[in-house]
N, C-alpha and C. Protein backbone atom coordinates (compact mmCIF):
# COMPACT_ATOMS: atom_id res chain seq x y z
N UNK A 1 78.68 -128.35 148.54
CA UNK A 1 78.27 -128.73 147.21
C UNK A 1 77.47 -130.02 147.31
N UNK A 2 76.38 -130.07 146.58
CA UNK A 2 75.53 -131.25 146.57
C UNK A 2 75.90 -132.10 145.36
N UNK A 3 76.57 -133.19 145.62
CA UNK A 3 76.93 -134.11 144.54
C UNK A 3 76.34 -135.46 144.89
N UNK A 4 75.46 -135.92 144.01
CA UNK A 4 74.84 -137.22 144.23
C UNK A 4 75.60 -138.26 143.44
N UNK A 5 75.70 -139.44 143.99
CA UNK A 5 76.34 -140.52 143.26
C UNK A 5 75.25 -141.43 142.73
N UNK A 6 75.22 -141.54 141.40
CA UNK A 6 74.23 -142.39 140.75
C UNK A 6 74.95 -143.44 139.95
N UNK A 7 74.76 -144.70 140.30
CA UNK A 7 75.35 -145.82 139.58
C UNK A 7 76.85 -145.61 139.35
N UNK A 8 77.55 -145.12 140.37
CA UNK A 8 79.00 -144.94 140.28
C UNK A 8 79.41 -143.69 139.53
N UNK A 9 78.49 -142.89 139.04
CA UNK A 9 78.82 -141.66 138.32
C UNK A 9 78.38 -140.46 139.14
N UNK A 10 79.11 -139.39 139.00
CA UNK A 10 78.72 -138.16 139.67
C UNK A 10 77.53 -137.56 138.95
N UNK A 11 76.75 -136.82 139.70
CA UNK A 11 75.65 -136.10 139.12
C UNK A 11 75.52 -134.78 139.88
N UNK A 12 75.66 -133.69 139.16
CA UNK A 12 75.59 -132.39 139.81
C UNK A 12 74.96 -131.37 138.87
N UNK A 13 74.50 -130.30 139.45
CA UNK A 13 73.94 -129.21 138.67
C UNK A 13 75.04 -128.25 138.25
N UNK A 14 74.69 -127.33 137.39
CA UNK A 14 75.68 -126.45 136.78
C UNK A 14 76.42 -125.58 137.80
N UNK A 15 75.73 -125.09 138.81
CA UNK A 15 76.41 -124.24 139.80
C UNK A 15 77.46 -125.03 140.57
N UNK A 16 77.16 -126.33 140.82
CA UNK A 16 78.12 -127.18 141.51
C UNK A 16 79.33 -127.47 140.62
N UNK A 17 79.04 -127.74 139.35
CA UNK A 17 80.13 -127.99 138.39
C UNK A 17 80.99 -126.74 138.25
N UNK A 18 80.35 -125.59 138.19
CA UNK A 18 81.09 -124.33 138.06
C UNK A 18 82.01 -124.14 139.26
N UNK A 19 81.49 -124.35 140.44
CA UNK A 19 82.28 -124.19 141.66
C UNK A 19 83.43 -125.19 141.70
N UNK A 20 83.17 -126.42 141.33
CA UNK A 20 84.18 -127.47 141.37
C UNK A 20 85.32 -127.21 140.38
N UNK A 21 84.98 -126.68 139.21
CA UNK A 21 85.98 -126.53 138.14
C UNK A 21 86.52 -125.12 138.01
N UNK A 22 85.96 -124.16 138.73
CA UNK A 22 86.44 -122.79 138.64
C UNK A 22 85.96 -122.05 137.40
N UNK A 23 84.92 -122.54 136.78
CA UNK A 23 84.32 -121.87 135.63
C UNK A 23 83.02 -121.20 136.06
N UNK A 24 82.52 -120.33 135.23
CA UNK A 24 81.20 -119.75 135.50
C UNK A 24 80.16 -120.61 134.79
N UNK A 25 78.92 -120.57 135.24
CA UNK A 25 77.87 -121.29 134.52
C UNK A 25 77.76 -120.83 133.06
N UNK A 26 77.99 -119.53 132.82
CA UNK A 26 77.94 -119.01 131.45
C UNK A 26 79.01 -119.66 130.57
N UNK A 27 80.20 -119.82 131.12
CA UNK A 27 81.29 -120.45 130.38
C UNK A 27 80.94 -121.90 130.06
N UNK A 28 80.40 -122.60 131.03
CA UNK A 28 80.03 -124.00 130.83
C UNK A 28 78.97 -124.10 129.74
N UNK A 29 77.96 -123.24 129.80
CA UNK A 29 76.93 -123.27 128.76
C UNK A 29 77.52 -122.94 127.38
N UNK A 30 78.45 -121.99 127.35
CA UNK A 30 79.10 -121.64 126.08
C UNK A 30 79.87 -122.84 125.53
N UNK A 31 80.62 -123.50 126.38
CA UNK A 31 81.39 -124.68 125.93
C UNK A 31 80.45 -125.77 125.42
N UNK A 32 79.29 -125.92 126.06
CA UNK A 32 78.28 -126.86 125.56
C UNK A 32 77.80 -126.43 124.18
N UNK A 33 77.49 -125.14 124.06
CA UNK A 33 76.94 -124.61 122.81
C UNK A 33 77.89 -124.82 121.64
N UNK A 34 79.20 -124.63 121.86
CA UNK A 34 80.16 -124.78 120.76
C UNK A 34 80.69 -126.20 120.64
N UNK A 35 80.19 -127.10 121.46
CA UNK A 35 80.51 -128.52 121.31
C UNK A 35 81.78 -128.98 121.98
N UNK A 36 82.36 -128.20 122.89
CA UNK A 36 83.54 -128.66 123.62
C UNK A 36 83.15 -129.60 124.77
N UNK A 37 81.92 -129.47 125.22
CA UNK A 37 81.40 -130.36 126.27
C UNK A 37 80.24 -131.18 125.68
N UNK A 38 80.17 -132.43 126.07
CA UNK A 38 79.01 -133.21 125.61
C UNK A 38 77.74 -132.69 126.28
N UNK A 39 76.61 -132.87 125.63
CA UNK A 39 75.36 -132.40 126.25
C UNK A 39 75.13 -133.11 127.59
N UNK A 40 74.70 -132.36 128.59
CA UNK A 40 74.43 -133.00 129.88
C UNK A 40 73.12 -133.78 129.83
N UNK A 41 73.00 -134.67 130.78
CA UNK A 41 71.74 -135.39 130.94
C UNK A 41 70.73 -134.40 131.51
N UNK A 42 69.47 -134.55 131.15
CA UNK A 42 68.42 -133.65 131.64
C UNK A 42 67.52 -134.40 132.62
N UNK A 43 67.17 -133.72 133.70
CA UNK A 43 66.22 -134.27 134.65
C UNK A 43 64.80 -134.05 134.11
N UNK A 44 63.83 -134.60 134.80
CA UNK A 44 62.44 -134.44 134.39
C UNK A 44 62.03 -132.96 134.37
N UNK A 45 62.62 -132.17 135.27
CA UNK A 45 62.30 -130.73 135.32
C UNK A 45 63.17 -129.93 134.35
N UNK A 46 63.91 -130.60 133.49
CA UNK A 46 64.77 -130.04 132.45
C UNK A 46 66.06 -129.42 132.99
N UNK A 47 66.38 -129.64 134.26
CA UNK A 47 67.67 -129.18 134.79
C UNK A 47 68.77 -130.04 134.20
N UNK A 48 69.89 -129.40 133.92
CA UNK A 48 71.06 -130.13 133.42
C UNK A 48 71.71 -130.90 134.58
N UNK A 49 72.16 -132.10 134.28
CA UNK A 49 72.90 -132.90 135.25
C UNK A 49 74.26 -133.26 134.63
N UNK A 50 75.31 -132.87 135.32
CA UNK A 50 76.67 -133.06 134.83
C UNK A 50 77.34 -134.20 135.58
N UNK A 51 78.32 -134.79 134.93
CA UNK A 51 79.02 -135.91 135.53
C UNK A 51 80.53 -135.80 135.39
N UNK A 52 81.18 -136.92 135.61
CA UNK A 52 82.64 -136.98 135.60
C UNK A 52 83.24 -136.51 134.28
N UNK A 53 82.61 -136.85 133.17
CA UNK A 53 83.14 -136.46 131.86
C UNK A 53 83.21 -134.94 131.74
N UNK A 54 82.23 -134.26 132.30
CA UNK A 54 82.20 -132.80 132.23
C UNK A 54 83.32 -132.19 133.08
N UNK A 55 83.52 -132.75 134.26
CA UNK A 55 84.61 -132.28 135.12
C UNK A 55 85.94 -132.50 134.42
N UNK A 56 86.12 -133.68 133.85
CA UNK A 56 87.36 -134.01 133.15
C UNK A 56 87.60 -133.07 131.97
N UNK A 57 86.56 -132.84 131.17
CA UNK A 57 86.68 -131.96 130.00
C UNK A 57 86.99 -130.53 130.42
N UNK A 58 86.30 -130.04 131.44
CA UNK A 58 86.54 -128.67 131.88
C UNK A 58 87.95 -128.51 132.46
N UNK A 59 88.43 -129.53 133.15
CA UNK A 59 89.82 -129.48 133.64
C UNK A 59 90.80 -129.44 132.47
N UNK A 60 90.55 -130.24 131.44
CA UNK A 60 91.40 -130.27 130.24
C UNK A 60 91.38 -128.89 129.56
N UNK A 61 90.19 -128.34 129.39
CA UNK A 61 90.05 -127.03 128.74
C UNK A 61 90.77 -125.96 129.56
N UNK A 62 90.58 -125.97 130.86
CA UNK A 62 91.23 -124.98 131.74
C UNK A 62 92.75 -125.08 131.61
N UNK A 63 93.26 -126.30 131.62
CA UNK A 63 94.71 -126.49 131.49
C UNK A 63 95.20 -125.91 130.16
N UNK A 64 94.49 -126.19 129.08
CA UNK A 64 94.85 -125.64 127.77
C UNK A 64 94.77 -124.12 127.76
N UNK A 65 93.71 -123.57 128.32
CA UNK A 65 93.55 -122.11 128.34
C UNK A 65 94.66 -121.46 129.16
N UNK A 66 95.08 -122.11 130.24
CA UNK A 66 96.20 -121.59 131.05
C UNK A 66 97.49 -121.57 130.24
N UNK A 67 97.58 -122.42 129.22
CA UNK A 67 98.73 -122.43 128.32
C UNK A 67 98.52 -121.50 127.14
N UNK A 68 97.43 -120.72 127.18
CA UNK A 68 97.07 -119.75 126.15
C UNK A 68 96.75 -120.42 124.82
N UNK A 69 96.22 -121.62 124.88
CA UNK A 69 95.80 -122.34 123.68
C UNK A 69 94.37 -121.92 123.36
N UNK A 70 94.11 -121.61 122.10
CA UNK A 70 92.81 -121.14 121.68
C UNK A 70 91.78 -122.25 121.60
N UNK A 71 90.53 -121.85 121.52
CA UNK A 71 89.42 -122.81 121.51
C UNK A 71 89.43 -123.71 120.28
N UNK A 72 89.86 -123.18 119.14
CA UNK A 72 89.92 -124.01 117.93
C UNK A 72 90.93 -125.14 118.14
N UNK A 73 92.09 -124.78 118.70
CA UNK A 73 93.11 -125.79 118.96
C UNK A 73 92.64 -126.76 120.04
N UNK A 74 91.94 -126.25 121.04
CA UNK A 74 91.42 -127.12 122.10
C UNK A 74 90.45 -128.14 121.51
N UNK A 75 89.61 -127.69 120.60
CA UNK A 75 88.67 -128.61 119.94
C UNK A 75 89.45 -129.75 119.26
N UNK A 76 90.52 -129.39 118.56
CA UNK A 76 91.33 -130.40 117.88
C UNK A 76 92.00 -131.34 118.88
N UNK A 77 92.51 -130.77 119.97
CA UNK A 77 93.15 -131.60 120.98
C UNK A 77 92.15 -132.53 121.66
N UNK A 78 90.94 -132.04 121.91
CA UNK A 78 89.91 -132.91 122.49
C UNK A 78 89.56 -134.04 121.52
N UNK A 79 89.48 -133.72 120.23
CA UNK A 79 89.23 -134.75 119.22
C UNK A 79 90.33 -135.79 119.22
N UNK A 80 91.58 -135.32 119.33
CA UNK A 80 92.72 -136.24 119.38
C UNK A 80 92.66 -137.10 120.64
N UNK A 81 92.26 -136.49 121.75
CA UNK A 81 92.13 -137.23 123.01
C UNK A 81 91.06 -138.30 122.89
N UNK A 82 89.92 -137.94 122.31
CA UNK A 82 88.82 -138.88 122.15
C UNK A 82 89.20 -140.01 121.19
N UNK A 83 89.93 -139.64 120.13
CA UNK A 83 90.30 -140.62 119.12
C UNK A 83 91.27 -141.65 119.68
N UNK A 84 92.23 -141.19 120.47
CA UNK A 84 93.18 -142.10 121.08
C UNK A 84 94.07 -142.85 120.11
N UNK A 85 94.27 -142.28 118.92
CA UNK A 85 95.09 -142.95 117.91
C UNK A 85 96.44 -142.28 117.76
N UNK A 86 97.30 -142.91 116.99
CA UNK A 86 98.61 -142.33 116.70
C UNK A 86 98.44 -141.03 115.92
N UNK A 87 97.49 -140.99 115.01
CA UNK A 87 97.24 -139.77 114.24
C UNK A 87 96.83 -138.63 115.17
N UNK A 88 96.02 -138.96 116.15
CA UNK A 88 95.60 -137.95 117.12
C UNK A 88 96.78 -137.42 117.93
N UNK A 89 97.67 -138.32 118.31
CA UNK A 89 98.86 -137.92 119.06
C UNK A 89 99.77 -137.06 118.18
N UNK A 90 99.89 -137.42 116.91
CA UNK A 90 100.69 -136.61 115.97
C UNK A 90 100.10 -135.22 115.83
N UNK A 91 98.77 -135.15 115.72
CA UNK A 91 98.09 -133.86 115.61
C UNK A 91 98.36 -133.02 116.85
N UNK A 92 98.26 -133.63 118.02
CA UNK A 92 98.51 -132.91 119.27
C UNK A 92 99.94 -132.37 119.28
N UNK A 93 100.88 -133.19 118.85
CA UNK A 93 102.28 -132.75 118.81
C UNK A 93 102.44 -131.56 117.86
N UNK A 94 101.84 -131.62 116.68
CA UNK A 94 101.94 -130.53 115.71
C UNK A 94 101.30 -129.26 116.24
N UNK A 95 100.13 -129.38 116.87
CA UNK A 95 99.45 -128.20 117.41
C UNK A 95 100.29 -127.53 118.50
N UNK A 96 100.86 -128.33 119.37
CA UNK A 96 101.68 -127.76 120.46
C UNK A 96 102.94 -127.14 119.88
N UNK A 97 103.53 -127.78 118.88
CA UNK A 97 104.73 -127.22 118.23
C UNK A 97 104.40 -125.87 117.59
N UNK A 98 103.26 -125.77 116.91
CA UNK A 98 102.84 -124.50 116.30
C UNK A 98 102.61 -123.44 117.37
N UNK A 99 101.97 -123.85 118.46
CA UNK A 99 101.69 -122.91 119.54
C UNK A 99 103.00 -122.42 120.16
N UNK A 100 103.94 -123.32 120.33
CA UNK A 100 105.25 -122.96 120.87
C UNK A 100 105.95 -121.96 119.96
N UNK A 101 105.83 -122.14 118.65
CA UNK A 101 106.43 -121.19 117.70
C UNK A 101 105.80 -119.81 117.86
N UNK A 102 104.49 -119.76 118.03
CA UNK A 102 103.81 -118.47 118.24
C UNK A 102 104.26 -117.81 119.54
N UNK A 103 104.42 -118.61 120.59
CA UNK A 103 104.87 -118.07 121.87
C UNK A 103 106.30 -117.53 121.73
N UNK A 104 107.14 -118.26 121.02
CA UNK A 104 108.51 -117.78 120.79
C UNK A 104 108.51 -116.46 120.04
N UNK A 105 107.64 -116.31 119.05
CA UNK A 105 107.55 -115.06 118.29
C UNK A 105 107.08 -113.92 119.20
N UNK A 106 106.11 -114.19 120.06
CA UNK A 106 105.65 -113.16 121.00
C UNK A 106 106.74 -112.76 121.97
N UNK A 107 107.51 -113.73 122.44
CA UNK A 107 108.62 -113.43 123.35
C UNK A 107 109.65 -112.57 122.63
N UNK A 108 109.93 -112.88 121.38
CA UNK A 108 110.88 -112.09 120.60
C UNK A 108 110.39 -110.65 120.47
N UNK A 109 109.09 -110.50 120.14
CA UNK A 109 108.51 -109.16 120.02
C UNK A 109 108.58 -108.39 121.34
N UNK A 110 108.27 -109.08 122.43
CA UNK A 110 108.31 -108.42 123.74
C UNK A 110 109.74 -108.05 124.13
N UNK A 111 110.70 -108.90 123.81
CA UNK A 111 112.10 -108.57 124.10
C UNK A 111 112.55 -107.37 123.28
N UNK A 112 112.09 -107.30 122.03
CA UNK A 112 112.40 -106.15 121.18
C UNK A 112 111.77 -104.88 121.76
N UNK A 113 110.54 -104.98 122.19
CA UNK A 113 109.87 -103.85 122.82
C UNK A 113 110.63 -103.41 124.06
N UNK A 114 111.05 -104.35 124.87
CA UNK A 114 111.81 -104.04 126.09
C UNK A 114 113.11 -103.33 125.75
N UNK A 115 113.82 -103.83 124.73
CA UNK A 115 115.08 -103.23 124.33
C UNK A 115 114.86 -101.79 123.88
N UNK A 116 113.81 -101.56 123.11
CA UNK A 116 113.52 -100.21 122.64
C UNK A 116 113.18 -99.28 123.80
N UNK A 117 112.41 -99.77 124.75
CA UNK A 117 112.07 -98.94 125.91
C UNK A 117 113.30 -98.65 126.75
N UNK A 118 114.19 -99.63 126.89
CA UNK A 118 115.44 -99.42 127.64
C UNK A 118 116.30 -98.37 126.94
N UNK A 119 116.35 -98.43 125.59
CA UNK A 119 117.09 -97.43 124.83
C UNK A 119 116.52 -96.04 125.09
N UNK A 120 115.21 -95.95 125.11
CA UNK A 120 114.56 -94.67 125.37
C UNK A 120 114.83 -94.22 126.79
N UNK A 121 114.75 -95.13 127.73
CA UNK A 121 114.99 -94.81 129.13
C UNK A 121 116.42 -94.30 129.35
N UNK A 122 117.37 -94.77 128.54
CA UNK A 122 118.76 -94.36 128.68
C UNK A 122 118.95 -92.86 128.46
N UNK A 123 117.99 -92.21 127.85
CA UNK A 123 118.09 -90.76 127.63
C UNK A 123 117.69 -89.96 128.86
N UNK A 124 117.29 -90.64 129.90
CA UNK A 124 116.89 -89.96 131.13
C UNK A 124 118.10 -89.83 132.05
N UNK A 125 118.25 -88.63 132.64
CA UNK A 125 119.36 -88.43 133.58
C UNK A 125 118.94 -88.79 135.00
N UNK A 126 117.70 -89.24 135.16
CA UNK A 126 117.23 -89.62 136.49
C UNK A 126 116.77 -88.45 137.32
N UNK A 127 116.68 -87.28 136.71
CA UNK A 127 116.25 -86.09 137.42
C UNK A 127 114.79 -85.81 137.09
N UNK A 128 114.07 -85.34 138.04
CA UNK A 128 112.70 -84.89 137.80
C UNK A 128 112.80 -83.45 137.33
N UNK A 129 112.63 -83.25 136.05
CA UNK A 129 112.82 -81.92 135.50
C UNK A 129 111.66 -81.55 134.59
N UNK A 130 111.68 -80.37 134.10
CA UNK A 130 110.64 -79.89 133.21
C UNK A 130 110.74 -80.54 131.84
N UNK A 131 109.71 -80.36 131.06
CA UNK A 131 109.64 -80.98 129.73
C UNK A 131 110.78 -80.53 128.83
N UNK A 132 111.26 -79.27 129.00
CA UNK A 132 112.32 -78.77 128.13
C UNK A 132 113.61 -79.53 128.32
N UNK A 133 113.90 -79.99 129.52
CA UNK A 133 115.19 -80.63 129.77
C UNK A 133 115.08 -82.15 129.95
N UNK A 134 113.91 -82.70 129.77
CA UNK A 134 113.73 -84.15 129.94
C UNK A 134 114.33 -84.88 128.74
N UNK A 135 115.30 -85.74 129.00
CA UNK A 135 115.98 -86.47 127.93
C UNK A 135 115.03 -87.38 127.15
N UNK A 136 114.09 -88.01 127.83
CA UNK A 136 113.15 -88.90 127.15
C UNK A 136 112.24 -88.09 126.22
N UNK A 137 111.68 -86.99 126.74
CA UNK A 137 110.80 -86.17 125.91
C UNK A 137 111.56 -85.56 124.75
N UNK A 138 112.79 -85.14 125.01
CA UNK A 138 113.61 -84.58 123.92
C UNK A 138 113.85 -85.64 122.86
N UNK A 139 114.17 -86.83 123.27
CA UNK A 139 114.42 -87.92 122.30
C UNK A 139 113.15 -88.28 121.55
N UNK A 140 112.02 -88.27 122.24
CA UNK A 140 110.74 -88.56 121.58
C UNK A 140 110.38 -87.48 120.56
N UNK A 141 110.89 -86.28 120.80
CA UNK A 141 110.58 -85.16 119.93
C UNK A 141 111.63 -84.96 118.83
N UNK A 142 112.59 -85.85 118.73
CA UNK A 142 113.65 -85.73 117.73
C UNK A 142 113.18 -86.28 116.40
N UNK A 143 113.48 -85.54 115.35
CA UNK A 143 113.14 -86.00 114.00
C UNK A 143 114.10 -87.14 113.65
N UNK A 144 113.54 -88.26 113.13
CA UNK A 144 114.41 -89.42 112.86
C UNK A 144 115.32 -89.18 111.65
N UNK A 145 116.51 -89.79 111.71
CA UNK A 145 117.39 -89.82 110.55
C UNK A 145 116.85 -90.89 109.62
N UNK A 146 117.39 -90.95 108.41
CA UNK A 146 116.95 -92.01 107.50
C UNK A 146 117.16 -93.35 108.17
N UNK A 147 116.12 -94.17 108.15
CA UNK A 147 116.18 -95.48 108.81
C UNK A 147 116.85 -96.49 107.90
N UNK A 148 117.80 -97.19 108.47
CA UNK A 148 118.48 -98.27 107.75
C UNK A 148 117.80 -99.56 108.15
N UNK A 149 117.35 -100.39 107.18
CA UNK A 149 116.66 -101.63 107.52
C UNK A 149 117.52 -102.54 108.40
N UNK A 150 116.83 -103.27 109.27
CA UNK A 150 117.45 -104.25 110.16
C UNK A 150 118.53 -103.65 111.05
N UNK A 151 118.38 -102.36 111.41
CA UNK A 151 119.34 -101.73 112.30
C UNK A 151 118.59 -101.27 113.53
N UNK A 152 119.22 -101.29 114.67
CA UNK A 152 118.59 -100.85 115.91
C UNK A 152 118.17 -99.39 115.76
N UNK A 153 116.94 -99.06 116.15
CA UNK A 153 116.48 -97.68 116.03
C UNK A 153 117.41 -96.73 116.79
N UNK A 154 117.65 -95.55 116.18
CA UNK A 154 118.57 -94.59 116.79
C UNK A 154 117.82 -93.40 117.40
N UNK A 155 116.70 -93.06 116.85
CA UNK A 155 115.98 -91.90 117.36
C UNK A 155 114.75 -92.36 118.14
N UNK A 156 114.22 -91.43 118.89
CA UNK A 156 113.03 -91.74 119.67
C UNK A 156 111.86 -92.09 118.76
N UNK A 157 111.76 -91.41 117.62
CA UNK A 157 110.66 -91.71 116.71
C UNK A 157 110.77 -93.13 116.17
N UNK A 158 111.98 -93.54 115.82
CA UNK A 158 112.18 -94.92 115.35
C UNK A 158 111.85 -95.91 116.46
N UNK A 159 112.25 -95.56 117.67
CA UNK A 159 111.95 -96.43 118.81
C UNK A 159 110.45 -96.52 119.01
N UNK A 160 109.78 -95.36 118.97
CA UNK A 160 108.33 -95.37 119.15
C UNK A 160 107.63 -96.12 118.04
N UNK A 161 108.13 -95.99 116.80
CA UNK A 161 107.54 -96.75 115.70
C UNK A 161 107.68 -98.25 115.96
N UNK A 162 108.89 -98.65 116.40
CA UNK A 162 109.11 -100.07 116.69
C UNK A 162 108.24 -100.51 117.87
N UNK A 163 108.14 -99.66 118.89
CA UNK A 163 107.30 -99.98 120.05
C UNK A 163 105.84 -100.09 119.61
N UNK A 164 105.39 -99.13 118.79
CA UNK A 164 104.01 -99.16 118.32
C UNK A 164 103.72 -100.43 117.52
N UNK A 165 104.68 -100.81 116.67
CA UNK A 165 104.51 -102.03 115.87
C UNK A 165 104.44 -103.27 116.77
N UNK A 166 105.31 -103.33 117.77
CA UNK A 166 105.29 -104.47 118.69
C UNK A 166 103.98 -104.48 119.49
N UNK A 167 103.52 -103.29 119.91
CA UNK A 167 102.26 -103.22 120.64
C UNK A 167 101.09 -103.62 119.75
N UNK A 168 101.12 -103.18 118.49
CA UNK A 168 100.06 -103.54 117.56
C UNK A 168 100.00 -105.05 117.39
N UNK A 169 101.16 -105.70 117.26
CA UNK A 169 101.17 -107.16 117.12
C UNK A 169 100.64 -107.82 118.39
N UNK A 170 101.03 -107.28 119.55
CA UNK A 170 100.53 -107.83 120.81
C UNK A 170 99.02 -107.63 120.93
N UNK A 171 98.52 -106.44 120.53
CA UNK A 171 97.09 -106.17 120.57
C UNK A 171 96.33 -107.05 119.59
N UNK A 172 96.90 -107.28 118.41
CA UNK A 172 96.27 -108.19 117.46
C UNK A 172 96.14 -109.58 118.04
N UNK A 173 97.22 -110.04 118.70
CA UNK A 173 97.17 -111.37 119.32
C UNK A 173 96.13 -111.39 120.44
N UNK A 174 96.06 -110.31 121.24
CA UNK A 174 95.07 -110.24 122.32
C UNK A 174 93.66 -110.19 121.76
N UNK A 175 93.47 -109.43 120.67
CA UNK A 175 92.15 -109.35 120.05
C UNK A 175 91.72 -110.71 119.53
N UNK A 176 92.65 -111.46 118.98
CA UNK A 176 92.34 -112.80 118.50
C UNK A 176 91.89 -113.69 119.66
N UNK A 177 92.59 -113.55 120.80
CA UNK A 177 92.20 -114.35 121.97
C UNK A 177 90.86 -113.90 122.52
N UNK A 178 90.53 -112.59 122.40
CA UNK A 178 89.25 -112.08 122.92
C UNK A 178 88.08 -112.56 122.08
N UNK A 179 88.33 -112.92 120.82
CA UNK A 179 87.27 -113.45 120.00
C UNK A 179 86.78 -114.76 120.57
N UNK A 180 87.61 -115.38 121.38
CA UNK A 180 87.25 -116.61 122.07
C UNK A 180 86.83 -116.18 123.48
N UNK A 181 85.53 -116.05 123.74
CA UNK A 181 85.04 -115.40 124.95
C UNK A 181 85.51 -116.02 126.25
N UNK A 182 85.92 -117.26 126.23
CA UNK A 182 86.32 -117.85 127.50
C UNK A 182 87.56 -118.59 127.30
């Protein structure tokens, strides 16, 4: 990697910054476009020149993304970091607390999904058999009894409904994260 030191600051091109931080040049340009990164200095030939602040910001963003924090929240956290005030620290605390609540809800949904799948799996005798004698397929093909609210599903259809609902919520959460391209 070609990194020049200019007046005590790093200076590198986008490919070097990408390699150093584990991002793609497209991601770096996107973060610039949406204002998560400050504009780079431009050389006479209009090449972007990045420095320490860009490395620091990209490391911060990567750390947040690894925690599954969205770009909107990252923007707020970067603002709080830049502000360096008590209000900024309070905002960071609130954002992380909200994110933790969302993670707890996802864990609850996934545990529910797991429980339903385990219930369905319990109908299997462990034998490789035809569709007519498969306990799982038979349970999936059973007409549900009247569902009682807040009760563990009893039939395969109730289980599948609960599984589908949990998957839908997980897909909705994934779709929300996909709206944030990086």
